[in-house]
Amino acid sequence: MAKKILKKDISPNSGFSLIELVIVIAVLAILSAVAIPSFVGVRNSAKVSAVKKSLVNILKECLVAESNLLSSPTFNDIGAWDTTNSFGDSRGLNFGFTYDSELSSSSPIQPSDSCFRIAAKSNTQDMGGVPIPVLPHFEIFFDRSDNKVKKNCSVSDAKTINNNFCDTSAPEGSQW
């Protein structure tokens, strides 16, 4: 026996209306507009933390190499040269920094350079035809005159994302 389908058995509200879909899309757009900037901030903080940690580790390796060699070591003498913490333009950090010989230099690290001074320079973005660093530049070096490790940084433009990563008003050698 075939069952007869009556009109009252069919629901008139099956599915979503266009207004309901538009409301859901609007809510998702608002949530993403709030979440994406937060994610970018966390990502930048992670980049800065990673580059600072890399700089400290490289300098530690350099100090260990000096005690082993009993002479001033170069980047060739430290193990980090051949790891993911590699240096220079072609082998720089993949997440926004390139290693350089110092803050004021524009020459990438060479294997024969002394490893007692190293800077991590942020990638730049073109803003109005001018390359502006995305994040501050960081430098760490061993000062032989007083046997202290010193840390400097620079924020070259107000458009650089600073977020208190770099205190350029602090005394020379303790800016991060």
Foldseek 3Di string as FASTA:
>chain_A
DDDDDDPVVDDPPPDDDPVVVVVVVVVVVVVCVVVVVVVVVVLVVVVLVVVVVLLVVLLVQQVVLCVVVVHFAFQLSGPCCPPLCHADDVSANPRFWHKDQADVDPGIGDRGHGSQKIKIFGFFDQDPNDTAGQAKIKMWGQDPVVRDIFIAIDHPDPNHDYVPSFQNVDDGRHGD
